[in-house]
Amino acid sequence: MKSILAFVACLFLFAACGPKRNLVYFSEGNAKTSIALPAIMEVKIQADDILKIFVTTLSAESNILFNPTASEIGYRVDKGGNINFPIIGLIKVDGLTIEQVQIKISKEVEKYAKNPNVAVQFLNFKITVIGEVNRPSSFTVTDNRVNVLEALGLAGDMTIYGKRENVLVIRQNGNERTMARINMNNRDVLNSPFFNLKQNDIVYVEPDRAKAASISENNRYLPVIISAAISVAAVFVQVYYGR
């Protein structure tokens, strides 16, 4: 009889057993309440980016010339790093920040109109979050600045199976692709150059072993088997004590 009870106890323990995971962000590392963060890297324009550019001057006629209807869909940066801007023609923008492009276009527009004001922003600042998150998808960011924590928020946060200590960030700079793993449980991640994302970054949340086991062919029927075994053991106990 004792062996049966021990068997039932083992089944309960096995069913409840699983890898323990720290689900709390920033719970490890430097315990200071404030951390000096590195300067946020300025986002540089690269080929295939799409820019929205709006020019205002003191001349209504010039405003029309520099803001044609076609400009509403944005200016795509070609493989040579240029955009084809009205009146001015090709302008090299590859490798420049938004602020630098605004200054560069303003100087060109000044040749045709006084006191120009140029506003530039990305139309395709996109990041992608996949893996063990609740809403994996690609997201367009309007203010051109987003960090990993904000990206996870857009994706509905990680599931309980997501490895918070081993998040992969994939980044492409021109023809080079780099990958880095960051620990979202550790406060020191705030100092990582991959914490603040760039356009077209991919964030991948890897599943833990519990998720892999839950979909394993060998373990698919394990809960049913455990439940049946417990039921049989319970009936046997009732019969044993009821006689």
Protein backbone atom coordinates (compact mmCIF):
# COMPACT_ATOMS: atom_id res chain seq x y z
CA MET A 1 0.00 0.00 0.00
CA LYS A 2 2.82 2.37 0.88
CA SER A 3 4.35 1.79 -2.54
CA ILE A 4 1.11 2.83 -4.24
CA LEU A 5 0.91 6.03 -2.23
CA ALA A 6 4.54 6.74 -2.99
CA PHE A 7 3.86 6.20 -6.68
CA VAL A 8 0.93 8.63 -6.62
CA ALA A 9 3.06 11.20 -4.79
CA CYS A 10 5.80 10.84 -7.41
CA LEU A 11 3.27 11.43 -10.19
CA PHE A 12 2.12 14.66 -8.56
CA LEU A 13 5.70 15.80 -8.09
CA PHE A 14 6.58 14.95 -11.69
CA ALA A 15 3.55 16.80 -13.02
CA ALA A 16 4.41 19.88 -10.96
CA CYS A 17 8.09 19.71 -11.72
CA GLY A 18 9.53 22.08 -14.33
CA PRO A 19 12.46 24.38 -14.91
CA LYS A 20 12.43 27.44 -12.67
CA ARG A 21 12.76 30.71 -14.53
CA ASN A 22 13.16 34.27 -13.35
CA LEU A 23 10.25 36.18 -14.86
CA VAL A 24 11.16 39.56 -13.34
CA TYR A 25 12.89 42.09 -15.59
CA PHE A 26 16.00 43.86 -14.20
CA SER A 27 15.98 41.78 -11.00
CA GLU A 28 19.70 41.00 -11.17
CA GLY A 29 22.94 42.94 -11.41
CA ASN A 30 23.65 46.48 -10.24
CA ALA A 31 21.33 47.29 -7.31
CA LYS A 32 21.62 51.09 -7.70
CA THR A 33 18.35 52.92 -8.18
CA SER A 34 19.88 55.05 -10.93
CA ILE A 35 22.25 53.96 -13.68
CA ALA A 36 24.20 56.26 -16.00
CA LEU A 37 23.12 55.30 -19.48
CA PRO A 38 25.27 55.63 -22.59
CA ALA A 39 24.30 58.27 -25.11
CA ILE A 40 21.57 57.06 -27.44
CA MET A 41 23.06 56.24 -30.80
CA GLU A 42 21.80 58.46 -33.59
CA VAL A 43 20.01 56.46 -36.24
CA LYS A 44 21.78 56.70 -39.60
CA ILE A 45 19.93 56.66 -42.91
CA GLN A 46 20.70 53.77 -45.22
CA ALA A 47 19.61 52.37 -48.58
CA ASP A 48 15.92 51.44 -48.92
CA ASP A 49 14.87 53.74 -46.09
CA ILE A 50 11.81 55.83 -46.89
CA LEU A 51 11.85 59.46 -45.76
CA LYS A 52 9.01 61.88 -45.35
CA ILE A 53 10.24 65.40 -46.14
CA PHE A 54 8.19 68.57 -45.76
CA VAL A 55 9.50 72.02 -46.68
CA THR A 56 8.00 75.34 -45.65
CA THR A 57 9.22 78.73 -46.85
CA LEU A 58 7.96 82.31 -46.97
CA SER A 59 6.75 81.70 -50.52
CA ALA A 60 3.51 79.82 -51.15
CA GLU A 61 4.68 79.03 -54.70
CA SER A 62 7.93 77.52 -53.40
CA ASN A 63 6.01 75.43 -50.88
CA ILE A 64 4.04 73.88 -53.70
CA LEU A 65 7.16 73.19 -55.75
CA PHE A 66 9.06 71.52 -52.90
CA ASN A 67 6.07 69.55 -51.61
CA PRO A 68 4.46 67.85 -54.60
CA THR A 69 1.62 65.43 -54.06
CA ALA A 70 3.92 62.52 -54.88
CA SER A 71 6.07 63.35 -51.86
CA GLU A 72 3.32 62.12 -49.52
CA ILE A 73 4.40 58.52 -50.16
CA GLY A 74 7.95 59.43 -49.16
CA TYR A 75 11.37 59.42 -50.80
CA ARG A 76 13.11 56.06 -50.99
CA VAL A 77 16.88 56.05 -50.57
CA ASP A 78 18.37 54.30 -53.60
CA LYS A 79 21.24 51.80 -53.60
CA GLY A 80 23.66 54.67 -54.09
CA GLY A 81 22.40 56.38 -50.94
CA ASN A 82 20.58 59.21 -52.75
CA ILE A 83 17.08 60.61 -52.86
CA ASN A 84 15.67 62.45 -55.87
CA PHE A 85 14.27 65.69 -54.47
CA PRO A 86 12.10 68.16 -56.44
CA ILE A 87 13.95 71.05 -58.11
CA ILE A 88 17.25 70.10 -56.44
CA GLY A 89 17.69 66.59 -57.89
CA LEU A 90 19.86 63.89 -56.31
CA ILE A 91 20.88 64.45 -52.68
CA LYS A 92 23.28 62.09 -50.89
CA VAL A 93 21.74 61.09 -47.55
CA ASP A 94 23.24 57.66 -46.83
CA GLY A 95 25.04 57.58 -43.47
CA LEU A 96 23.51 60.86 -42.27
CA THR A 97 21.19 61.40 -39.31
CA ILE A 98 17.75 62.96 -39.66
CA GLU A 99 19.06 66.26 -38.30
CA GLN A 100 21.97 66.28 -40.77
CA VAL A 101 19.63 65.66 -43.70
CA GLN A 102 17.39 68.51 -42.57
CA ILE A 103 20.37 70.89 -42.55
CA LYS A 104 21.64 69.63 -45.90
CA ILE A 105 18.29 70.04 -47.66
CA SER A 106 17.75 73.45 -46.06
CA LYS A 107 21.02 74.71 -47.56
CA GLU A 108 19.96 73.49 -50.99
CA VAL A 109 16.47 75.00 -50.74
CA GLU A 110 17.99 78.36 -49.68
CA LYS A 111 19.29 78.71 -53.23
CA TYR A 112 15.67 79.04 -54.39
CA ALA A 113 13.68 80.37 -51.40
CA LYS A 114 14.35 82.34 -48.22
CA ASN A 115 14.20 81.02 -44.67
CA PRO A 116 13.29 77.41 -45.42
CA ASN A 117 12.24 75.03 -42.69
CA VAL A 118 12.73 71.34 -43.41
CA ALA A 119 11.18 68.49 -41.43
CA VAL A 120 12.37 64.92 -42.08
CA GLN A 121 11.25 61.65 -40.54
CA PHE A 122 11.36 57.94 -41.30
CA LEU A 123 8.30 56.31 -42.79
CA ASN A 124 9.66 52.78 -42.50
CA PHE A 125 11.40 52.65 -39.12
CA LYS A 126 10.39 49.04 -38.54
CA ILE A 127 11.38 46.49 -35.91
CA THR A 128 10.29 42.85 -35.74
CA VAL A 129 9.63 40.81 -32.59
CA ILE A 130 9.22 37.04 -32.94
CA GLY A 131 9.42 33.89 -30.83
CA GLU A 132 7.92 33.49 -27.38
CA VAL A 133 5.86 36.69 -27.28
CA ASN A 134 2.10 37.07 -27.21
CA ARG A 135 1.78 39.07 -30.44
CA PRO A 136 4.75 38.39 -32.74
CA SER A 137 4.80 40.90 -35.59
CA SER A 138 6.62 43.76 -37.30
CA PHE A 139 6.00 47.24 -35.91
CA THR A 140 6.51 50.67 -37.47
CA VAL A 141 7.82 53.22 -34.96
CA THR A 142 6.91 56.85 -35.59
CA ASP A 143 9.48 58.60 -33.38
CA ASN A 144 12.48 56.61 -34.68
CA ARG A 145 13.51 55.53 -31.18
CA VAL A 146 12.58 52.29 -29.45
CA ASN A 147 14.35 49.97 -27.04
CA VAL A 148 14.00 46.23 -26.49
CA LEU A 149 11.66 46.64 -23.53
CA GLU A 150 9.34 48.88 -25.55
CA ALA A 151 9.49 46.44 -28.48
CA LEU A 152 8.45 43.59 -26.17
CA GLY A 153 5.60 45.78 -24.95
CA LEU A 154 4.40 46.26 -28.52
CA ALA A 155 4.47 42.48 -28.93
CA GLY A 156 2.38 41.88 -25.81
CA ASP A 157 5.37 40.91 -23.63
CA MET A 158 7.05 37.51 -23.44
CA THR A 159 5.12 34.36 -22.62
CA ILE A 160 6.10 32.42 -19.50
CA TYR A 161 8.19 30.17 -21.76
CA GLY A 162 10.38 33.01 -23.08
CA LYS A 163 14.04 33.06 -22.05
CA ARG A 164 14.35 36.52 -20.55
CA GLU A 165 18.02 35.91 -19.85
CA ASN A 166 18.87 35.12 -23.47
CA VAL A 167 17.11 37.47 -25.92
CA LEU A 168 18.64 37.60 -29.39
CA VAL A 169 18.89 40.88 -31.33
CA ILE A 170 19.72 40.64 -35.04
CA ARG A 171 20.96 43.83 -36.69
CA GLN A 172 21.92 44.63 -40.27
CA ASN A 173 24.32 47.42 -41.17
CA GLY A 174 24.68 47.63 -44.92
CA ASN A 175 25.86 44.23 -46.11
CA GLU A 176 26.82 43.04 -42.63
CA ARG A 177 24.57 41.29 -40.14
CA THR A 178 25.45 41.11 -36.46
CA MET A 179 23.79 39.21 -33.61
CA ALA A 180 23.95 39.75 -29.87
CA ARG A 181 22.29 38.09 -26.90
CA ILE A 182 21.13 40.23 -23.99
CA ASN A 183 19.87 39.37 -20.49
CA MET A 184 16.63 41.19 -19.72
CA ASN A 185 16.80 40.00 -16.09
CA ASN A 186 20.00 41.97 -15.53
CA ARG A 187 19.99 45.75 -15.02
CA ASP A 188 23.31 46.00 -16.85
CA VAL A 189 21.44 45.35 -20.11
CA LEU A 190 20.64 49.07 -20.10
CA ASN A 191 24.27 49.70 -21.04
CA SER A 192 24.22 47.33 -24.00
CA PRO A 193 24.50 48.90 -27.48
CA PHE A 194 21.73 46.50 -28.51
CA PHE A 195 19.23 47.67 -25.88
CA ASN A 196 18.25 50.62 -28.07
CA LEU A 197 17.08 49.27 -31.40
CA LYS A 198 17.80 50.48 -34.93
CA GLN A 199 15.56 50.31 -37.96
CA ASN A 200 14.95 46.77 -39.26
CA ASP A 201 16.28 45.12 -36.08
CA ILE A 202 14.83 41.70 -35.25
CA VAL A 203 14.23 40.64 -31.65
CA TYR A 204 13.94 36.89 -31.13
CA VAL A 205 12.76 35.41 -27.83
CA GLU A 206 13.89 31.82 -27.55
CA PRO A 207 11.58 29.22 -25.88
CA ASP A 208 12.83 27.32 -22.85
CA ARG A 209 13.00 23.56 -22.47
CA ALA A 210 9.56 23.42 -20.87
CA LYS A 211 7.99 24.70 -24.10
CA ALA A 212 9.97 22.21 -26.18
CA ALA A 213 8.86 19.39 -23.88
CA SER A 214 5.22 20.50 -24.05
CA ILE A 215 5.13 20.02 -27.82
CA SER A 216 7.35 16.94 -27.96
CA GLU A 217 5.78 13.93 -29.67
CA ASN A 218 6.87 11.68 -26.79
CA ASN A 219 5.29 13.92 -24.15
CA ARG A 220 2.08 14.82 -25.97
CA TYR A 221 0.03 12.23 -24.08
CA LEU A 222 1.95 12.46 -20.80
CA PRO A 223 -0.72 14.54 -18.96
CA VAL A 224 -3.40 12.01 -20.00
CA ILE A 225 -1.27 9.11 -18.83
CA ILE A 226 -0.55 10.77 -15.49
CA SER A 227 -4.22 11.63 -14.97
CA ALA A 228 -5.31 8.08 -15.78
CA ALA A 229 -2.66 6.60 -13.46
CA ILE A 230 -3.75 8.86 -10.61
CA SER A 231 -7.41 7.94 -11.17
CA VAL A 232 -6.63 4.20 -11.13
CA ALA A 233 -4.55 4.61 -7.99
CA ALA A 234 -7.35 6.56 -6.30
CA VAL A 235 -9.90 3.84 -7.14
CA PHE A 236 -7.54 1.16 -5.83
CA VAL A 237 -7.11 3.07 -2.56
CA GLN A 238 -10.88 3.35 -2.15
CA VAL A 239 -11.36 -0.36 -2.78
CA TYR A 240 -8.49 -1.28 -0.46
CA TYR A 241 -9.81 0.79 2.43
CA GLY A 242 -13.47 0.09 1.71
CA ARG A 243 -13.34 -3.67 2.01
